[in-house]
Protein backbone atom coordinates (compact mmCIF):
# COMPACT_ATOMS: atom_id res chain seq x y z
CA MET A 1 0.00 0.00 0.00
CA ASN A 2 1.21 3.52 -0.79
CA ASN A 3 2.34 4.97 2.55
CA GLN A 4 1.90 8.53 1.27
CA LEU A 5 -1.74 8.27 2.37
CA PHE A 6 -0.60 8.04 5.99
CA ASP A 7 2.41 10.38 6.04
CA LYS A 8 0.46 13.06 7.92
CA PHE A 9 -0.74 10.68 10.66
CA ASP A 10 1.50 9.66 13.53
CA SER A 11 1.17 6.10 14.83
CA VAL A 12 -0.62 5.74 18.13
CA SER A 13 0.71 3.31 20.72
CA ALA A 14 -1.39 1.07 22.95
CA LYS A 15 -0.34 3.18 25.92
CA GLN A 16 -1.64 6.35 24.27
CA TRP A 17 -4.96 4.71 23.45
CA LYS A 18 -5.36 3.58 27.03
CA GLN A 19 -4.57 7.07 28.32
CA LYS A 20 -7.20 8.56 26.01
CA ILE A 21 -9.81 6.02 27.19
CA GLN A 22 -8.98 6.72 30.84
CA PHE A 23 -9.41 10.44 30.23
CA ASP A 24 -12.84 9.86 28.59
CA LEU A 25 -13.95 7.70 31.52
CA LYS A 26 -13.70 10.82 33.74
CA GLY A 27 -12.39 9.04 36.80
CA THR A 28 -14.18 5.71 36.40
CA ASP A 29 -11.80 2.78 36.84
CA TYR A 30 -10.58 1.43 33.49
CA ASN A 31 -10.16 -2.18 34.68
CA ASP A 32 -13.51 -2.40 36.51
CA THR A 33 -15.46 -0.73 33.71
CA LEU A 34 -14.05 -2.09 30.47
CA ILE A 35 -12.24 -5.35 31.21
CA TRP A 36 -14.26 -8.50 31.83
CA LYS A 37 -13.30 -12.05 32.70
CA THR A 38 -14.64 -15.12 30.90
CA ASN A 39 -15.32 -18.56 32.35
CA GLU A 40 -11.94 -19.55 30.90
CA ASP A 41 -10.25 -16.90 33.13
CA ILE A 42 -9.36 -14.82 30.08
CA LEU A 43 -9.43 -11.06 30.57
CA VAL A 44 -11.05 -9.37 27.56
CA LYS A 45 -9.80 -5.85 26.90
CA PRO A 46 -11.71 -3.03 25.17
CA PHE A 47 -9.12 -2.84 22.39
CA TYR A 48 -6.17 -4.80 21.01
CA HIS A 49 -3.05 -3.40 19.42
CA ALA A 50 0.09 -4.48 17.58
CA ASP A 51 1.99 -3.63 20.77
CA ASP A 52 0.40 -6.72 22.33
CA PHE A 53 2.61 -8.92 20.15
CA GLN A 54 6.38 -9.28 20.26
CA GLU A 55 6.32 -10.57 16.69
CA HIS A 56 3.76 -10.89 13.91
CA PRO A 57 1.45 -13.95 14.31
CA ASN A 58 2.05 -16.85 11.95
CA ILE A 59 -0.09 -17.22 8.86
CA SER A 60 -2.53 -20.11 9.29
CA ASN A 61 -2.75 -22.81 6.63
CA THR A 62 -6.54 -23.16 6.64
CA LYS A 63 -8.51 -22.78 3.42
CA ALA A 64 -11.94 -21.32 4.03
CA THR A 65 -12.43 -21.34 0.26
CA GLN A 66 -12.77 -25.12 0.48
CA TRP A 67 -15.25 -25.66 3.32
CA LYS A 68 -18.02 -28.16 2.57
CA ILE A 69 -21.76 -28.06 3.28
CA CYS A 70 -22.62 -31.33 4.99
CA GLN A 71 -26.03 -32.92 5.51
CA SER A 72 -26.41 -35.27 8.50
CA ILE A 73 -28.89 -38.11 8.06
CA PHE A 74 -29.90 -40.57 10.76
CA VAL A 75 -30.43 -43.93 9.07
CA ALA A 76 -33.60 -45.47 10.49
CA ASP A 77 -34.69 -46.70 7.05
CA GLU A 78 -32.13 -47.21 4.25
CA THR A 79 -34.52 -46.42 1.40
CA LYS A 80 -35.82 -43.20 2.94
CA SER A 81 -32.32 -42.12 3.96
CA ASN A 82 -31.05 -42.82 0.45
CA LEU A 83 -33.76 -40.65 -1.10
CA LYS A 84 -33.10 -37.91 1.45
CA ALA A 85 -29.39 -37.94 0.62
CA ILE A 86 -30.03 -37.73 -3.13
CA ASP A 87 -32.43 -34.82 -2.58
CA ALA A 88 -29.97 -33.03 -0.27
CA ILE A 89 -27.21 -33.32 -2.87
CA LYS A 90 -29.50 -31.91 -5.55
CA ARG A 91 -30.29 -28.99 -3.24
CA GLY A 92 -26.70 -28.04 -2.53
CA ALA A 93 -25.18 -30.44 0.01
CA GLU A 94 -21.56 -31.22 -0.87
CA SER A 95 -21.12 -34.08 1.58
CA ILE A 96 -23.36 -36.48 3.48
CA GLN A 97 -22.91 -37.86 6.96
CA PHE A 98 -24.89 -41.03 7.55
CA ILE A 99 -25.45 -41.79 11.25
CA ILE A 100 -25.88 -45.56 11.40
CA PRO A 101 -27.38 -47.09 14.56
CA SER A 102 -27.36 -50.78 13.52
CA GLU A 103 -24.97 -53.16 11.79
CA ASN A 104 -27.97 -54.65 9.98
CA THR A 105 -28.06 -51.57 7.76
CA SER A 106 -27.80 -52.38 4.05
CA ILE A 107 -25.02 -50.27 2.54
CA HIS A 108 -26.07 -51.17 -1.01
CA ASN A 109 -29.58 -49.81 -0.43
CA LEU A 110 -28.23 -46.76 1.36
CA LEU A 111 -25.89 -45.76 -1.47
CA LYS A 112 -28.17 -46.59 -4.42
CA ASN A 113 -27.89 -43.99 -7.23
CA ILE A 114 -25.53 -41.78 -5.20
CA ASN A 115 -22.43 -40.60 -7.06
CA THR A 116 -19.79 -41.73 -4.59
CA GLU A 117 -16.96 -40.22 -6.65
CA SER A 118 -18.11 -36.60 -6.58
CA ASN A 119 -19.67 -36.54 -3.10
CA LEU A 120 -17.85 -36.96 0.20
CA LEU A 121 -19.59 -39.59 2.33
CA TYR A 122 -19.09 -39.95 6.07
CA PHE A 123 -20.40 -42.79 8.20
CA GLU A 124 -20.82 -42.29 11.95
CA LEU A 125 -21.30 -45.72 13.49
CA LYS A 126 -23.08 -46.16 16.82
CA PHE A 127 -21.54 -49.61 17.25
CA LEU A 128 -18.20 -51.34 16.78
CA SER A 129 -18.29 -54.16 14.24
CA GLU A 130 -15.24 -55.36 12.31
CA THR A 131 -17.50 -57.25 9.87
CA PHE A 132 -19.63 -54.22 9.07
CA ILE A 133 -16.63 -51.93 8.67
CA LYS A 134 -14.94 -54.42 6.31
CA LYS A 135 -18.14 -54.70 4.27
CA LEU A 136 -18.40 -50.92 4.08
CA PHE A 137 -14.80 -50.55 2.89
CA ASP A 138 -15.31 -53.33 0.32
CA ILE A 139 -18.26 -51.44 -1.14
CA LEU A 140 -16.82 -47.94 -0.75
CA PRO A 141 -13.02 -47.91 -0.22
CA GLN A 142 -12.96 -44.10 0.14
CA ALA A 143 -15.59 -44.05 2.90
CA LYS A 144 -14.84 -41.80 5.87
CA ILE A 145 -15.84 -43.78 8.96
CA ASN A 146 -16.23 -42.35 12.44
CA VAL A 147 -15.89 -44.88 15.26
CA ASP A 148 -14.88 -43.23 18.52
CA ILE A 149 -14.70 -45.77 21.33
CA ILE A 150 -13.65 -43.22 23.98
CA ASN A 151 -16.55 -40.94 23.07
CA ASN A 152 -18.89 -43.90 23.49
CA LEU A 153 -17.40 -44.64 26.92
CA ALA A 154 -17.65 -41.00 28.03
CA LYS A 155 -21.21 -40.61 26.75
CA SER A 156 -22.72 -43.96 27.77
CA GLY A 157 -20.52 -44.89 30.71
CA ASN A 158 -19.59 -48.23 29.13
CA TRP A 159 -17.33 -49.67 26.47
CA TYR A 160 -18.95 -51.34 23.48
CA THR A 161 -17.51 -54.66 24.78
CA ASN A 162 -14.60 -53.99 27.12
CA LEU A 163 -11.42 -51.92 27.11
CA LYS A 164 -9.22 -54.55 25.49
CA ALA A 165 -11.70 -55.64 22.83
CA ASP A 166 -12.65 -52.06 21.95
CA PHE A 167 -9.04 -50.97 21.49
CA GLN A 168 -8.29 -54.05 19.41
CA GLY A 169 -11.25 -53.21 17.20
CA PHE A 170 -10.09 -49.60 17.03
CA GLU A 171 -6.60 -50.75 16.02
CA LYS A 172 -7.88 -52.92 13.16
CA PHE A 173 -10.17 -50.17 11.95
CA THR A 174 -7.36 -47.60 12.01
CA LYS A 175 -5.00 -49.85 10.07
CA ASN A 176 -7.62 -50.29 7.35
CA SER A 177 -8.87 -46.72 7.18
CA LYS A 178 -5.58 -44.98 8.04
CA SER A 179 -7.67 -42.52 10.02
CA PHE A 180 -9.54 -42.04 13.27
CA THR A 181 -11.98 -39.53 14.75
CA ILE A 182 -12.15 -37.60 18.00
CA ASP A 183 -15.74 -36.58 18.68
CA ALA A 184 -15.28 -33.71 21.11
CA SER A 185 -18.76 -32.24 20.64
CA LEU A 186 -19.88 -34.01 23.81
CA TYR A 187 -17.76 -31.77 26.03
CA GLN A 188 -19.26 -28.53 24.71
CA ASN A 189 -22.81 -29.85 24.84
CA ALA A 190 -22.31 -30.95 28.44
CA GLY A 191 -21.10 -27.52 29.57
CA ALA A 192 -17.30 -27.59 29.43
CA ASN A 193 -15.63 -24.23 28.88
CA MET A 194 -13.45 -23.68 25.83
CA VAL A 195 -10.14 -24.41 27.54
CA GLN A 196 -11.58 -27.69 28.81
CA GLN A 197 -13.00 -28.55 25.40
CA LEU A 198 -9.61 -28.09 23.75
CA ALA A 199 -7.65 -29.87 26.46
CA TYR A 200 -10.06 -32.81 26.61
CA ALA A 201 -10.08 -33.15 22.81
CA LEU A 202 -6.28 -33.20 22.83
CA SER A 203 -6.01 -35.65 25.72
CA HIS A 204 -8.73 -37.81 24.14
CA ALA A 205 -6.63 -37.92 20.95
CA ASN A 206 -3.49 -38.65 22.93
CA GLU A 207 -5.00 -41.85 24.32
CA TYR A 208 -5.37 -43.10 20.75
CA LEU A 209 -1.94 -41.90 19.65
CA ASN A 210 -0.24 -43.48 22.64
CA TYR A 211 -1.93 -46.82 21.92
CA LEU A 212 -1.23 -46.71 18.18
CA ASP A 213 2.37 -45.71 18.79
CA HIS A 214 2.95 -49.16 20.23
CA ASN A 215 0.69 -51.18 17.95
CA ILE A 216 0.99 -50.04 14.33
CA GLU A 217 3.90 -49.70 11.93
CA PRO A 218 5.62 -46.31 11.62
CA LYS A 219 4.73 -46.09 7.91
CA THR A 220 1.02 -46.52 8.68
CA LYS A 221 1.24 -44.11 11.60
CA GLN A 222 2.80 -41.35 9.50
CA SER A 223 -0.02 -41.52 6.95
CA LEU A 224 -2.84 -41.22 9.49
CA GLN A 225 -5.59 -38.67 8.83
CA VAL A 226 -7.19 -37.43 12.03
CA TYR A 227 -10.70 -35.97 12.18
CA PHE A 228 -12.11 -33.79 14.93
CA LYS A 229 -15.84 -33.29 15.42
CA ILE A 230 -16.39 -30.04 17.29
CA ALA A 231 -19.50 -28.25 18.55
CA VAL A 232 -19.49 -24.46 18.34
CA GLY A 233 -21.48 -22.02 20.46
CA SER A 234 -22.54 -18.42 20.02
CA ASN A 235 -19.53 -16.69 21.62
CA TYR A 236 -18.61 -15.54 18.12
CA PHE A 237 -14.96 -14.47 18.27
CA PHE A 238 -14.03 -16.99 20.96
CA GLU A 239 -15.37 -19.86 18.84
CA ILE A 240 -13.29 -18.68 15.88
CA ALA A 241 -10.25 -18.64 18.14
CA LYS A 242 -11.12 -22.05 19.60
CA LEU A 243 -10.95 -23.78 16.23
CA ARG A 244 -7.72 -21.98 15.35
CA ALA A 245 -6.26 -22.99 18.71
CA LEU A 246 -7.21 -26.62 18.09
CA ARG A 247 -5.06 -26.70 14.95
CA ILE A 248 -2.11 -25.20 16.83
CA LEU A 249 -2.47 -27.74 19.64
CA TRP A 250 -2.86 -30.64 17.22
CA ASN A 251 0.30 -29.54 15.42
CA ILE A 252 2.19 -29.64 18.72
CA LEU A 253 0.86 -33.07 19.73
CA SER A 254 1.11 -34.77 16.33
CA SER A 255 4.68 -33.56 15.88
CA GLU A 256 5.64 -35.48 19.02
CA TYR A 257 4.34 -38.68 17.43
CA ASN A 258 5.78 -37.90 13.98
CA ILE A 259 2.41 -38.11 12.22
CA ASN A 260 0.40 -35.87 9.91
CA THR A 261 0.28 -32.44 11.58
CA ASP A 262 -2.79 -31.40 9.62
CA CYS A 263 -6.24 -32.36 10.90
CA TYR A 264 -9.71 -32.31 9.38
CA ILE A 265 -12.30 -30.43 11.45
CA THR A 266 -16.02 -30.95 11.03
CA THR A 267 -18.30 -28.75 13.11
CA ILE A 268 -21.89 -28.63 14.21
CA PRO A 269 -23.71 -25.96 16.24
CA THR A 270 -24.05 -26.70 19.93
CA LYS A 271 -27.30 -27.94 21.44
CA ARG A 272 -26.56 -26.25 24.74
CA ASN A 273 -28.00 -22.82 23.91
CA LYS A 274 -30.94 -24.02 21.80
CA THR A 275 -34.42 -23.27 23.08
CA LEU A 276 -37.89 -24.75 22.94
CA TYR A 277 -39.73 -21.44 23.23
CA ASP A 278 -39.27 -18.73 20.61
CA TYR A 279 -37.58 -21.45 18.59
CA ASN A 280 -36.95 -19.25 15.55
CA THR A 281 -34.13 -17.58 17.48
CA ASN A 282 -32.31 -20.90 17.08
CA MET A 283 -31.82 -19.99 13.41
CA LEU A 284 -30.02 -16.81 14.44
CA ARG A 285 -27.81 -18.75 16.82
CA THR A 286 -26.91 -21.45 14.30
CA THR A 287 -26.15 -18.84 11.64
CA THR A 288 -23.52 -17.07 13.75
CA GLU A 289 -22.19 -20.43 14.93
CA CYS A 290 -21.70 -21.58 11.35
CA MET A 291 -20.01 -18.26 10.58
CA SER A 292 -17.58 -18.88 13.46
CA ALA A 293 -16.92 -22.36 12.12
CA ILE A 294 -16.06 -21.05 8.66
CA LEU A 295 -13.86 -18.20 9.89
CA GLY A 296 -12.17 -20.53 12.36
CA GLY A 297 -11.10 -22.86 9.56
CA SER A 298 -13.55 -25.75 9.71
CA ASN A 299 -13.35 -28.13 6.75
CA SER A 300 -16.95 -29.31 6.87
CA ILE A 301 -20.06 -27.91 8.54
CA SER A 302 -23.29 -29.73 9.33
CA ASN A 303 -25.93 -27.28 10.48
CA LEU A 304 -28.50 -28.03 13.19
CA PRO A 305 -32.18 -27.55 12.23
CA TYR A 306 -33.90 -24.89 14.33
CA ASP A 307 -36.51 -27.42 15.57
CA SER A 308 -34.22 -30.40 16.11
CA ILE A 309 -34.67 -30.52 19.89
CA TYR A 310 -38.42 -31.11 19.76
CA HIS A 311 -39.35 -32.20 16.20
CA LYS A 312 -38.50 -35.42 14.41
CA ASP A 313 -36.45 -35.08 11.24
CA ASN A 314 -38.49 -33.11 8.74
CA GLU A 315 -37.94 -31.72 5.26
CA PHE A 316 -38.65 -28.08 6.16
CA GLY A 317 -36.27 -27.82 9.12
CA GLU A 318 -33.48 -29.60 7.25
CA ARG A 319 -33.97 -27.43 4.15
CA ILE A 320 -33.76 -24.23 6.21
CA ALA A 321 -30.59 -25.48 7.93
CA ARG A 322 -28.98 -26.34 4.60
CA ASN A 323 -30.07 -23.05 3.04
CA GLN A 324 -28.40 -21.12 5.86
CA LEU A 325 -25.09 -22.62 4.73
CA LEU A 326 -25.88 -22.05 1.06
CA ILE A 327 -26.54 -18.37 1.77
CA LEU A 328 -23.27 -18.05 3.69
CA LYS A 329 -21.35 -19.65 0.86
CA HIS A 330 -23.01 -18.28 -2.27
CA GLU A 331 -24.56 -14.99 -1.18
CA SER A 332 -22.40 -13.85 1.72
CA TYR A 333 -19.10 -14.87 0.08
CA PHE A 334 -17.79 -16.85 3.02
CA ASP A 335 -15.74 -18.98 0.65
CA LYS A 336 -13.65 -16.26 -0.99
CA VAL A 337 -10.75 -15.84 1.47
CA ASP A 338 -8.63 -18.69 2.77
CA ASN A 339 -7.82 -17.42 6.27
CA PRO A 340 -9.99 -14.34 6.92
CA SER A 341 -9.37 -14.19 10.68
CA ASP A 342 -5.58 -13.93 10.34
CA GLY A 343 -4.15 -10.64 11.52
CA SER A 344 -7.01 -9.66 13.81
CA TYR A 345 -5.22 -8.64 17.01
CA TYR A 346 -8.26 -9.66 19.10
CA ILE A 347 -8.65 -13.11 17.56
CA GLU A 348 -4.89 -13.73 17.49
CA SER A 349 -4.71 -12.84 21.19
CA LEU A 350 -7.64 -15.11 22.07
CA THR A 351 -6.12 -17.93 20.01
CA ASN A 352 -2.82 -17.66 21.86
CA GLN A 353 -4.45 -17.53 25.30
CA LEU A 354 -6.78 -20.46 24.63
CA SER A 355 -3.86 -22.50 23.25
CA GLU A 356 -1.63 -21.79 26.24
CA LYS A 357 -4.30 -22.48 28.84
CA ALA A 358 -5.50 -25.66 27.10
CA LEU A 359 -1.94 -26.94 26.74
CA GLY A 360 -1.40 -26.37 30.44
CA LEU A 361 -4.55 -28.31 31.32
CA PHE A 362 -3.58 -31.07 28.89
CA LYS A 363 -0.19 -31.44 30.57
CA ASN A 364 -1.89 -31.59 33.96
CA ILE A 365 -4.19 -34.39 32.75
CA GLU A 366 -1.27 -36.38 31.38
CA THR A 367 0.79 -35.84 34.53
CA ASN A 368 -2.10 -37.28 36.54
CA GLY A 369 -2.46 -40.47 34.54
CA GLY A 370 -4.15 -39.44 31.31
CA PHE A 371 -7.67 -38.96 30.03
CA LEU A 372 -9.02 -42.48 30.57
CA LYS A 373 -7.72 -42.60 34.13
CA GLN A 374 -9.35 -39.27 34.95
CA LEU A 375 -12.60 -40.39 33.33
CA LYS A 376 -12.53 -43.53 35.49
CA GLU A 377 -11.89 -41.45 38.62
CA GLY A 378 -14.64 -38.99 37.68
CA THR A 379 -12.31 -35.99 37.52
CA ILE A 380 -13.28 -34.98 33.97
CA GLN A 381 -16.99 -35.31 34.75
CA ARG A 382 -16.61 -33.23 37.93
CA LYS A 383 -14.74 -30.44 36.18
CA ILE A 384 -17.34 -30.24 33.39
CA LYS A 385 -20.14 -30.21 35.99
CA GLU A 386 -18.48 -27.35 37.85
CA ASN A 387 -18.38 -25.18 34.75
CA ALA A 388 -21.86 -26.27 33.64
CA THR A 389 -23.22 -25.29 37.07
CA LYS A 390 -21.50 -21.92 36.82
CA GLU A 391 -23.04 -21.33 33.37
CA GLN A 392 -26.45 -22.42 34.66
CA GLN A 393 -26.24 -19.90 37.51
CA GLN A 394 -25.31 -17.20 35.01
CA PHE A 395 -28.32 -18.11 32.88
CA ASP A 396 -30.69 -18.30 35.85
CA SER A 397 -29.58 -14.86 37.07
CA GLY A 398 -29.91 -13.32 33.60
CA GLU A 399 -26.19 -12.71 33.19
CA GLU A 400 -26.16 -15.27 30.37
CA VAL A 401 -28.96 -14.27 27.99
CA LEU A 402 -30.98 -16.42 25.62
CA LEU A 403 -33.41 -14.09 23.88
CA GLY A 404 -37.00 -15.26 23.99
CA THR A 405 -36.29 -17.53 26.95
CA ASN A 406 -34.87 -15.62 29.89
CA LYS A 407 -35.20 -12.17 28.28
CA HIS A 408 -37.91 -10.62 26.09
CA THR A 409 -40.13 -13.64 26.65
CA ASN A 410 -43.31 -14.13 24.64
CA THR A 411 -45.72 -15.30 27.35
CA ASN A 412 -48.29 -16.30 24.71
CA ASP A 413 -45.92 -18.84 23.20
CA VAL A 414 -47.16 -22.40 23.88
CA MET A 415 -45.32 -25.60 22.99
CA LYS A 416 -46.99 -28.49 24.82
CA ASN A 417 -48.69 -29.81 21.67
CA GLU A 418 -45.61 -29.36 19.47
CA LEU A 419 -43.39 -31.91 21.19
CA GLU A 420 -42.64 -34.86 18.90
CA LEU A 421 -39.41 -35.54 20.81
CA TYR A 422 -38.67 -35.30 24.52
CA PRO A 423 -36.43 -32.20 24.68
CA PHE A 424 -34.96 -32.74 28.15
CA VAL A 425 -32.38 -34.96 29.77
CA LYS A 426 -33.67 -38.52 29.92
CA ILE A 427 -32.94 -40.41 33.12
CA LYS A 428 -32.45 -44.12 32.57
CA GLN A 429 -31.19 -46.25 35.42
CA ARG A 430 -28.46 -48.62 34.26
CA LYS A 431 -25.19 -50.08 35.45
CA THR A 432 -22.13 -48.28 34.08
CA LEU A 433 -18.37 -48.57 34.48
CA ILE A 434 -17.96 -44.82 34.87
CA GLU A 435 -20.24 -41.86 35.40
CA PRO A 436 -21.36 -40.76 31.92
CA ILE A 437 -20.95 -37.18 30.72
CA ILE A 438 -24.49 -35.83 30.28
CA GLU A 439 -25.47 -33.25 27.67
CA LYS A 440 -27.90 -30.66 28.95
CA ARG A 441 -29.31 -27.42 27.54
CA LEU A 442 -29.23 -24.26 29.64
CA ALA A 443 -32.97 -23.59 29.22
CA GLU A 444 -34.27 -27.02 30.26
CA ASN A 445 -35.38 -26.23 33.83
CA LEU A 446 -37.07 -22.99 32.83
CA GLU A 447 -38.85 -24.69 29.91
CA GLN A 448 -40.12 -27.56 32.05
CA ASN A 449 -41.65 -25.08 34.49
CA ARG A 450 -43.31 -23.17 31.65
CA LEU A 451 -44.77 -26.34 30.17
CA LYS A 452 -46.41 -27.16 33.51
CA THR A 453 -48.25 -23.84 33.52
CA GLU A 454 -49.53 -23.82 29.92
C-alpha cells in the first residue's frame, strides 16, 4: 500500500490509546469498567493493538475457500435415507454424513444412485463391528468412517464390549482406514468451557496416539488422517479462536508422534443454547455459529435444524438449515478468502491464550495419569459439571442471555402440543463402568416449568 496516504498521521501506541480512554472515563476505573473475565479466566480488553505482540502472528494454513456443506442423516430406514441424501445433494449439500445405529443396515440400499466419486460420504457408526466396517470398505473404499470408542465410553458410561476388545477393534479399523476420529462435541454440549473442550479433545486424541504408537507400523502411523468433530457455540470471536487454537495444539501433539500435523475439522452448532420457546431464534444462533466455524477454519459444517430438539427429522427444518449454509457460501461470500481471521489482534490474542491455557490443562491431565484414568476417577466429569453449574447460575440470574427464553419472553408462546421428541435430559437407570458425561441445555429447567403452567 502507498504509505503517502498516511504520512500526515502519527502512529498511536497502545499506551496512548489507554490514556485517552482513561481520560474519557472521567475518573471511572478502566479495569472495573471495560475489562471482563470469561469462564476460561481470560481477561477481555476493550481494544487490542500491535503492541500486544512481540512478533507478527504466523499465517494459518486453513482454506476457508474449500469448506463443505454437509447434511447429516440418521439412518432409520435405508430407502428413505437414500432418497433424502439424493435430494440433499440436488439442493446443494456437498457431503453427506450417515449416522448408522445398527450393523444390519444395508449399505447397497443406502448408497443406491448416489455418485460416490463426486460426493464426500461420512459414516458415523453407533456400534463397533469389524465385519460391518470391512463390508463398508469393500463397497466404498474411500468411505470416511467415524468410530470413537472413547466418546462412546464418556457418553454412555460403558465400552462397546470392554477396554481390550474395543481398542483391538479400534486398532484394526485404524489400520484399514488410516484414520480415526475424535468426537469432542460431547464436552461442549455438556457444559465444558473452551479451555476444557480443547484440552479434553487433545487428551482424548493422545489416548489413541499413545496406543497406536505401540501397535501399528511407523509407515502406517505417519499416513494417518485425524478428524475432529467439534460443537461451536454463540460466543462468536471466541469460537473462531477455539478452532484456530485446536489446529495449533494438534500440530504440537502430532509432531511429538511424527504423524500428519494437519487435521480435518467438522463442526456442528451446539445444542446447549438451543431453546424450545421462541424457537426461531435458534436460526439466528446457528447462523452465527456456522459463521464462526467457517472463519475458524472448519473443513466441513453440518448445520443443526432450528426445531431439532423437539421435532422429528423433517424436510422443512433440514432445508432451512442447509439453506443457511448455502446463503453463507453463495450470497455472503464466506468462501472467498482462505484465512480471513488472520491478523485480527483480538482473535490472534484469544487464540494464543486459549492455546496456552489448554496446553497447560492437557499437561496436567497427562501428569495425573491421562484422560481415561481421569474419566474412570470422575475428575473430567466433575470439572465439566463445575463449569456447567456456573453457566447455569449465570443463565438463571440473567447474566447469560438467551433471547425469547430468559429475556424478552413471549408469554403467549405455547409448545406443549408441538413436542414430537422429549427435549430434556432422559434419566435411565443402568449399570455403568464410569459416570457418563451428560449433555444438557441451559434452558431445560425454565422450559419444564413453563410447560407445567400452559
